[in-house]
PDB file of N, CA and C in Angstrom:
ATOM      1  N   MET A   1     -32.416 122.139 121.652  1.00  0.00           N
ATOM      2  CA  MET A   1     -33.653 122.342 122.329  1.00  0.00           C
ATOM      3  C   MET A   1     -34.754 121.753 121.420  1.00  0.00           C
ATOM      4  N   THR A   2     -35.882 121.111 122.114  1.00  0.00           N
ATOM      5  CA  THR A   2     -36.959 120.573 121.537  1.00  0.00           C
ATOM      6  C   THR A   2     -38.002 121.673 121.184  1.00  0.00           C
ATOM      7  N   GLN A   3     -38.431 121.688 120.022  1.00  0.00           N
ATOM      8  CA  GLN A   3     -39.587 122.643 119.706  1.00  0.00           C
ATOM      9  C   GLN A   3     -40.939 121.798 119.917  1.00  0.00           C
ATOM     10  N   ARG A   4     -41.756 122.571 120.643  1.00  0.00           N
ATOM     11  CA  ARG A   4     -42.974 122.191 121.051  1.00  0.00           C
ATOM     12  C   ARG A   4     -44.043 123.085 120.238  1.00  0.00           C
ATOM     13  N   LEU A   5     -44.391 122.604 119.007  1.00  0.00           N
ATOM     14  CA  LEU A   5     -45.317 123.225 118.134  1.00  0.00           C
ATOM     15  C   LEU A   5     -46.819 123.084 118.389  1.00  0.00           C
ATOM     16  N   HIS A   6     -47.518 123.993 118.286  1.00  0.00           N
ATOM     17  CA  HIS A   6     -48.951 123.859 118.464  1.00  0.00           C
ATOM     18  C   HIS A   6     -49.740 124.579 117.286  1.00  0.00           C
ATOM     19  N   LEU A   7     -50.831 123.972 116.768  1.00  0.00           N
ATOM     20  CA  LEU A   7     -51.412 124.277 115.538  1.00  0.00           C
ATOM     21  C   LEU A   7     -52.817 124.805 116.286  1.00  0.00           C
ATOM     22  N   VAL A   8     -53.335 125.983 115.968  1.00  0.00           N
ATOM     23  CA  VAL A   8     -54.748 126.553 116.328  1.00  0.00           C
ATOM     24  C   VAL A   8     -55.410 126.620 115.140  1.00  0.00           C
ATOM     25  N   PHE A   9     -56.663 125.906 115.239  1.00  0.00           N
ATOM     26  CA  PHE A   9     -57.572 125.700 114.091  1.00  0.00           C
ATOM     27  C   PHE A   9     -58.926 125.788 114.404  1.00  0.00           C
ATOM     28  N   GLY A  10     -59.989 126.036 113.609  1.00  0.00           N
ATOM     29  CA  GLY A  10     -61.377 125.985 113.996  1.00  0.00           C
ATOM     30  C   GLY A  10     -62.318 126.045 112.756  1.00  0.00           C
ATOM     31  N   GLY A  11     -63.576 126.122 113.267  1.00  0.00           N
ATOM     32  CA  GLY A  11     -64.569 126.128 112.177  1.00  0.00           C
ATOM     33  C   GLY A  11     -65.748 125.768 112.728  1.00  0.00           C
ATOM     34  N   GLU A  12     -66.897 125.992 111.943  1.00  0.00           N
ATOM     35  CA  GLU A  12     -68.179 125.714 112.219  1.00  0.00           C
ATOM     36  C   GLU A  12     -68.425 124.016 112.283  1.00  0.00           C
ATOM     37  N   LEU A  13     -69.088 123.716 113.403  1.00  0.00           N
ATOM     38  CA  LEU A  13     -69.325 122.262 113.624  1.00  0.00           C
ATOM     39  C   LEU A  13     -70.782 122.018 113.223  1.00  0.00           C
ATOM     40  N   VAL A  14     -71.119 120.610 112.925  1.00  0.00           N
ATOM     41  CA  VAL A  14     -72.293 120.075 112.615  1.00  0.00           C
ATOM     42  C   VAL A  14     -73.396 120.427 113.689  1.00  0.00           C
ATOM     43  N   SER A  15     -72.811 120.094 114.975  1.00  0.00           N
ATOM     44  CA  SER A  15     -73.682 120.259 115.965  1.00  0.00           C
ATOM     45  C   SER A  15     -72.620 120.675 117.167  1.00  0.00           C
ATOM     46  N   PRO A  16     -73.180 121.557 118.122  1.00  0.00           N
ATOM     47  CA  PRO A  16     -72.344 122.102 119.327  1.00  0.00           C
ATOM     48  C   PRO A  16     -72.008 120.806 120.069  1.00  0.00           C
ATOM     49  N   GLN A  17     -72.705 119.720 120.233  1.00  0.00           N
ATOM     50  CA  GLN A  17     -72.490 118.565 120.985  1.00  0.00           C
ATOM     51  C   GLN A  17     -71.317 117.526 120.341  1.00  0.00           C
ATOM     52  N   LYS A  18     -70.837 117.776 118.969  1.00  0.00           N
ATOM     53  CA  LYS A  18     -70.032 116.954 118.440  1.00  0.00           C
ATOM     54  C   LYS A  18     -68.878 117.748 117.754  1.00  0.00           C
ATOM     55  N   ASN A  19     -67.595 117.244 117.839  1.00  0.00           N
ATOM     56  CA  ASN A  19     -66.643 117.639 117.129  1.00  0.00           C
ATOM     57  C   ASN A  19     -66.289 117.200 115.636  1.00  0.00           C
ATOM     58  N   VAL A  20     -67.399 117.648 114.989  1.00  0.00           N
ATOM     59  CA  VAL A  20     -67.459 117.228 113.527  1.00  0.00           C
ATOM     60  C   VAL A  20     -67.469 118.476 112.740  1.00  0.00           C
ATOM     61  N   PHE A  21     -66.771 118.832 111.778  1.00  0.00           N
ATOM     62  CA  PHE A  21     -66.679 119.970 111.173  1.00  0.00           C
ATOM     63  C   PHE A  21     -67.837 119.898 110.114  1.00  0.00           C
ATOM     64  N   LYS A  22     -68.548 120.946 109.867  1.00  0.00           N
ATOM     65  CA  LYS A  22     -69.685 121.080 108.892  1.00  0.00           C
ATOM     66  C   LYS A  22     -69.011 121.040 107.400  1.00  0.00           C
ATOM     67  N   ASP A  23     -67.914 121.903 107.284  1.00  0.00           N
ATOM     68  CA  ASP A  23     -67.272 121.786 105.900  1.00  0.00           C
ATOM     69  C   ASP A  23     -65.942 121.922 106.170  1.00  0.00           C
ATOM     70  N   VAL A  24     -64.937 120.699 106.097  1.00  0.00           N
ATOM     71  CA  VAL A  24     -63.597 120.651 106.259  1.00  0.00           C
ATOM     72  C   VAL A  24     -62.928 121.716 105.270  1.00  0.00           C
ATOM     73  N   GLY A  25     -63.398 121.790 104.255  1.00  0.00           N
ATOM     74  CA  GLY A  25     -62.720 122.836 103.286  1.00  0.00           C
ATOM     75  C   GLY A  25     -62.613 124.298 104.008  1.00  0.00           C
ATOM     76  N   ALA A  26     -63.640 124.492 104.885  1.00  0.00           N
ATOM     77  CA  ALA A  26     -63.784 125.969 105.404  1.00  0.00           C
ATOM     78  C   ALA A  26     -63.203 125.983 106.791  1.00  0.00           C
ATOM     79  N   ILE A  27     -62.287 125.076 107.210  1.00  0.00           N
ATOM     80  CA  ILE A  27     -61.549 125.236 108.283  1.00  0.00           C
ATOM     81  C   ILE A  27     -60.717 126.518 108.386  1.00  0.00           C
ATOM     82  N   HIS A  28     -60.907 127.157 109.490  1.00  0.00           N
ATOM     83  CA  HIS A  28     -59.904 128.245 109.573  1.00  0.00           C
ATOM     84  C   HIS A  28     -58.673 127.953 110.280  1.00  0.00           C
ATOM     85  N   ILE A  29     -57.514 128.166 109.721  1.00  0.00           N
ATOM     86  CA  ILE A  29     -56.135 127.919 110.177  1.00  0.00           C
ATOM     87  C   ILE A  29     -55.650 129.082 110.641  1.00  0.00           C
ATOM     88  N   VAL A  30     -55.616 129.387 112.264  1.00  0.00           N
ATOM     89  CA  VAL A  30     -55.053 130.466 112.688  1.00  0.00           C
ATOM     90  C   VAL A  30     -53.600 130.577 112.474  1.00  0.00           C
ATOM     91  N   GLY A  31     -52.872 129.393 112.928  1.00  0.00           N
ATOM     92  CA  GLY A  31     -51.544 129.383 112.727  1.00  0.00           C
ATOM     93  C   GLY A  31     -50.692 128.459 113.548  1.00  0.00           C
ATOM     94  N   MET A  32     -49.554 128.286 113.407  1.00  0.00           N
ATOM     95  CA  MET A  32     -48.527 127.460 114.052  1.00  0.00           C
ATOM     96  C   MET A  32     -47.987 128.285 115.189  1.00  0.00           C
ATOM     97  N   PHE A  33     -47.844 127.904 116.402  1.00  0.00           N
ATOM     98  CA  PHE A  33     -46.990 128.569 117.322  1.00  0.00           C
ATOM     99  C   PHE A  33     -45.986 127.609 118.197  1.00  0.00           C
ATOM    100  N   PRO A  34     -45.015 128.396 118.477  1.00  0.00           N
ATOM    101  CA  PRO A  34     -43.804 127.850 119.049  1.00  0.00           C
ATOM    102  C   PRO A  34     -43.848 127.300 120.405  1.00  0.00           C
ATOM    103  N   ASP A  35     -45.149 127.599 121.087  1.00  0.00           N
ATOM    104  CA  ASP A  35     -45.198 127.167 122.621  1.00  0.00           C
ATOM    105  C   ASP A  35     -46.617 127.322 122.955  1.00  0.00           C
ATOM    106  N   TYR A  36     -47.047 126.506 124.033  1.00  0.00           N
ATOM    107  CA  TYR A  36     -48.633 126.552 124.366  1.00  0.00           C
ATOM    108  C   TYR A  36     -49.082 127.952 124.723  1.00  0.00           C
ATOM    109  N   ALA A  37     -48.137 128.779 125.320  1.00  0.00           N
ATOM    110  CA  ALA A  37     -48.799 130.090 125.818  1.00  0.00           C
ATOM    111  C   ALA A  37     -49.196 130.955 124.663  1.00  0.00           C
ATOM    112  N   THR A  38     -48.510 131.029 123.497  1.00  0.00           N
ATOM    113  CA  THR A  38     -48.729 131.784 122.251  1.00  0.00           C
ATOM    114  C   THR A  38     -49.887 131.132 121.525  1.00  0.00           C
ATOM    115  N   ALA A  39     -50.043 129.889 121.508  1.00  0.00           N
ATOM    116  CA  ALA A  39     -51.160 129.084 121.045  1.00  0.00           C
ATOM    117  C   ALA A  39     -52.347 129.458 121.698  1.00  0.00           C
ATOM    118  N   PHE A  40     -52.323 129.320 123.028  1.00  0.00           N
ATOM    119  CA  PHE A  40     -53.453 129.491 123.865  1.00  0.00           C
ATOM    120  C   PHE A  40     -53.960 131.058 123.752  1.00  0.00           C
ATOM    121  N   SER A  41     -53.180 132.076 123.546  1.00  0.00           N
ATOM    122  CA  SER A  41     -53.567 133.374 123.479  1.00  0.00           C
ATOM    123  C   SER A  41     -54.201 133.563 122.095  1.00  0.00           C
ATOM    124  N   ALA A  42     -53.794 132.891 120.941  1.00  0.00           N
ATOM    125  CA  ALA A  42     -54.328 132.900 119.746  1.00  0.00           C
ATOM    126  C   ALA A  42     -55.772 132.241 119.584  1.00  0.00           C
ATOM    127  N   TRP A  43     -55.730 131.084 120.276  1.00  0.00           N
ATOM    128  CA  TRP A  43     -57.187 130.342 120.541  1.00  0.00           C
ATOM    129  C   TRP A  43     -58.161 131.036 121.290  1.00  0.00           C
ATOM    130  N   LYS A  44     -57.692 131.834 122.165  1.00  0.00           N
ATOM    131  CA  LYS A  44     -58.494 132.643 123.121  1.00  0.00           C
ATOM    132  C   LYS A  44     -59.070 133.546 122.436  1.00  0.00           C
ATOM    133  N   ALA A  45     -58.380 134.320 121.677  1.00  0.00           N
ATOM    134  CA  ALA A  45     -58.837 135.572 120.766  1.00  0.00           C
ATOM    135  C   ALA A  45     -59.854 135.131 119.713  1.00  0.00           C
ATOM    136  N   GLU A  46     -59.553 133.930 119.101  1.00  0.00           N
ATOM    137  CA  GLU A  46     -60.563 133.346 118.103  1.00  0.00           C
ATOM    138  C   GLU A  46     -62.011 132.935 118.645  1.00  0.00           C
ATOM    139  N   ALA A  47     -61.753 132.277 119.871  1.00  0.00           N
ATOM    140  CA  ALA A  47     -62.740 131.751 120.611  1.00  0.00           C
ATOM    141  C   ALA A  47     -63.836 132.896 121.136  1.00  0.00           C
ATOM    142  N   GLN A  48     -63.048 133.975 121.562  1.00  0.00           N
ATOM    143  CA  GLN A  48     -63.880 135.106 122.075  1.00  0.00           C
ATOM    144  C   GLN A  48     -64.505 135.858 120.635  1.00  0.00           C
ATOM    145  N   ARG A  49     -63.785 135.956 119.667  1.00  0.00           N
ATOM    146  CA  ARG A  49     -64.265 136.649 118.493  1.00  0.00           C
ATOM    147  C   ARG A  49     -65.666 136.030 118.047  1.00  0.00           C
ATOM    148  N   THR A  50     -65.716 134.630 118.309  1.00  0.00           N
ATOM    149  CA  THR A  50     -66.825 133.931 117.604  1.00  0.00           C
ATOM    150  C   THR A  50     -67.694 133.240 118.649  1.00  0.00           C
ATOM    151  N   VAL A  51     -67.782 134.019 120.030  1.00  0.00           N
ATOM    152  CA  VAL A  51     -68.588 133.441 121.132  1.00  0.00           C
ATOM    153  C   VAL A  51     -70.046 133.450 120.754  1.00  0.00           C
ATOM    154  N   ASP A  52     -70.424 134.357 119.895  1.00  0.00           N
ATOM    155  CA  ASP A  52     -72.148 134.454 119.578  1.00  0.00           C
ATOM    156  C   ASP A  52     -72.422 133.226 118.769  1.00  0.00           C
ATOM    157  N   ASN A  53     -71.510 132.511 118.124  1.00  0.00           N
ATOM    158  CA  ASN A  53     -72.089 131.409 117.310  1.00  0.00           C
ATOM    159  C   ASN A  53     -71.695 129.994 118.199  1.00  0.00           C
ATOM    160  N   ALA A  54     -72.658 129.400 118.632  1.00  0.00           N
ATOM    161  CA  ALA A  54     -72.551 128.394 119.306  1.00  0.00           C
ATOM    162  C   ALA A  54     -72.003 127.162 118.513  1.00  0.00           C
ATOM    163  N   HIS A  55     -71.949 127.225 117.152  1.00  0.00           N
ATOM    164  CA  HIS A  55     -71.554 125.952 116.284  1.00  0.00           C
ATOM    165  C   HIS A  55     -69.980 126.194 116.014  1.00  0.00           C
ATOM    166  N   MET A  56     -69.439 127.401 116.442  1.00  0.00           N
ATOM    167  CA  MET A  56     -68.164 127.838 115.973  1.00  0.00           C
ATOM    168  C   MET A  56     -67.102 127.161 117.141  1.00  0.00           C
ATOM    169  N   ARG A  57     -66.075 126.386 116.857  1.00  0.00           N
ATOM    170  CA  ARG A  57     -65.076 125.849 117.901  1.00  0.00           C
ATOM    171  C   ARG A  57     -63.659 126.125 117.241  1.00  0.00           C
ATOM    172  N   TYR A  58     -62.788 126.280 118.215  1.00  0.00           N
ATOM    173  CA  TYR A  58     -61.452 126.459 117.908  1.00  0.00           C
ATOM    174  C   TYR A  58     -60.668 125.473 118.849  1.00  0.00           C
ATOM    175  N   PHE A  59     -59.542 125.089 118.351  1.00  0.00           N
ATOM    176  CA  PHE A  59     -58.877 123.870 118.885  1.00  0.00           C
ATOM    177  C   PHE A  59     -57.325 124.113 119.028  1.00  0.00           C
ATOM    178  N   ILE A  60     -56.653 123.623 119.822  1.00  0.00           N
ATOM    179  CA  ILE A  60     -55.296 123.699 119.795  1.00  0.00           C
ATOM    180  C   ILE A  60     -54.792 122.148 119.747  1.00  0.00           C
ATOM    181  N   ALA A  61     -54.035 121.915 118.680  1.00  0.00           N
ATOM    182  CA  ALA A  61     -53.474 120.611 118.378  1.00  0.00           C
ATOM    183  C   ALA A  61     -51.961 120.841 118.834  1.00  0.00           C
ATOM    184  N   HIS A  62     -51.560 119.830 119.582  1.00  0.00           N
ATOM    185  CA  HIS A  62     -50.051 119.585 120.084  1.00  0.00           C
ATOM    186  C   HIS A  62     -49.302 118.777 119.003  1.00  0.00           C
ATOM    187  N   ILE A  63     -48.918 119.375 118.096  1.00  0.00           N
ATOM    188  CA  ILE A  63     -48.097 118.797 116.824  1.00  0.00           C
ATOM    189  C   ILE A  63     -47.032 118.140 117.160  1.00  0.00           C
ATOM    190  N   HIS A  64     -46.282 118.683 118.293  1.00  0.00           N
ATOM    191  CA  HIS A  64     -45.070 117.922 119.004  1.00  0.00           C
ATOM    192  C   HIS A  64     -45.297 116.523 119.393  1.00  0.00           C
ATOM    193  N   ARG A  65     -46.725 116.156 119.695  1.00  0.00           N
ATOM    194  CA  ARG A  65     -46.905 114.910 120.189  1.00  0.00           C
ATOM    195  C   ARG A  65     -47.402 113.890 118.962  1.00  0.00           C
ATOM    196  N   LEU A  66     -47.431 114.416 117.949  1.00  0.00           N
ATOM    197  CA  LEU A  66     -47.660 113.437 116.796  1.00  0.00           C
ATOM    198  C   LEU A  66     -46.448 112.472 116.578  1.00  0.00           C
ATOM    199  N   ARG A  67     -45.157 112.954 116.896  1.00  0.00           N
ATOM    200  CA  ARG A  67     -44.066 111.953 116.587  1.00  0.00           C
ATOM    201  C   ARG A  67     -43.121 112.436 117.881  1.00  0.00           C
ATOM    202  N   GLU A  68     -42.738 111.211 118.542  1.00  0.00           N
ATOM    203  CA  GLU A  68     -41.801 111.281 119.487  1.00  0.00           C
ATOM    204  C   GLU A  68     -40.522 110.728 119.024  1.00  0.00           C
ATOM    205  N   GLU A  69     -39.652 111.706 118.788  1.00  0.00           N
ATOM    206  CA  GLU A  69     -38.410 111.384 118.205  1.00  0.00           C
ATOM    207  C   GLU A  69     -37.369 110.327 118.958  1.00  0.00           C
ATOM    208  N   SER A  70     -37.704 110.238 120.262  1.00  0.00           N
ATOM    209  CA  SER A  70     -37.116 109.653 121.216  1.00  0.00           C
ATOM    210  C   SER A  70     -37.461 107.977 121.302  1.00  0.00           C
ATOM    211  N   GLN A  71     -38.528 107.918 120.481  1.00  0.00           N
ATOM    212  CA  GLN A  71     -39.298 106.449 120.276  1.00  0.00           C
ATOM    213  C   GLN A  71     -38.780 105.855 118.993  1.00  0.00           C
ATOM    214  N   ALA A  72     -38.819 104.609 118.945  1.00  0.00           N
ATOM    215  CA  ALA A  72     -38.507 103.996 117.666  1.00  0.00           C
ATOM    216  C   ALA A  72     -39.791 104.149 116.602  1.00  0.00           C
ATOM    217  N   THR A  73     -40.804 104.036 117.002  1.00  0.00           N
ATOM    218  CA  THR A  73     -41.945 104.191 116.276  1.00  0.00           C
ATOM    219  C   THR A  73     -42.811 105.075 116.688  1.00  0.00           C
ATOM    220  N   SER A  74     -43.784 105.729 116.035  1.00  0.00           N
ATOM    221  CA  SER A  74     -44.924 106.603 116.622  1.00  0.00           C
ATOM    222  C   SER A  74     -45.947 105.784 116.370  1.00  0.00           C
ATOM    223  N   LEU A  75     -47.179 106.279 116.838  1.00  0.00           N
ATOM    224  CA  LEU A  75     -48.536 105.740 116.660  1.00  0.00           C
ATOM    225  C   LEU A  75     -48.902 105.741 115.173  1.00  0.00           C
ATOM    226  N   THR A  76     -48.736 106.861 114.324  1.00  0.00           N
ATOM    227  CA  THR A  76     -48.911 106.839 113.096  1.00  0.00           C
ATOM    228  C   THR A  76     -48.298 106.020 112.165  1.00  0.00           C
ATOM    229  N   GLU A  77     -47.065 105.597 112.662  1.00  0.00           N
ATOM    230  CA  GLU A  77     -46.411 104.413 111.975  1.00  0.00           C
ATOM    231  C   GLU A  77     -46.952 103.239 112.109  1.00  0.00           C
ATOM    232  N   GLU A  78     -47.394 102.937 113.385  1.00  0.00           N
ATOM    233  CA  GLU A  78     -48.093 101.596 113.565  1.00  0.00           C
ATOM    234  C   GLU A  78     -49.456 101.564 113.013  1.00  0.00           C
ATOM    235  N   MET A  79     -50.031 102.599 112.541  1.00  0.00           N
ATOM    236  CA  MET A  79     -51.301 102.619 111.851  1.00  0.00           C
ATOM    237  C   MET A  79     -51.043 102.245 110.375  1.00  0.00           C
ATOM    238  N   GLY A  80     -49.750 102.447 109.809  1.00  0.00           N
ATOM    239  CA  GLY A  80     -49.372 102.173 108.381  1.00  0.00           C
ATOM    240  C   GLY A  80     -49.677 103.534 107.554  1.00  0.00           C
ATOM    241  N   VAL A  81     -49.445 104.784 108.357  1.00  0.00           N
ATOM    242  CA  VAL A  81     -49.664 106.009 107.641  1.00  0.00           C
ATOM    243  C   VAL A  81     -48.395 106.640 107.472  1.00  0.00           C
TER     244      VAL A  81
END
């Protein structure tokens, strides 16, 4: 069975109109989750906790999309990373 890992993270943005973190070192890593439903639940809890701060944003990163094992190369390999 394929794992579909999701990372939930967030922090204060430079501006509410841009997805640029004010301080990358202060990014809050909520956690890694085994499926979208639990990741969404964690994301929602953090987003609601910080709703009064317009500069705070939380995101769900689809870690399983970073590398597709069924393909010979991934986008990161093509970039030389």
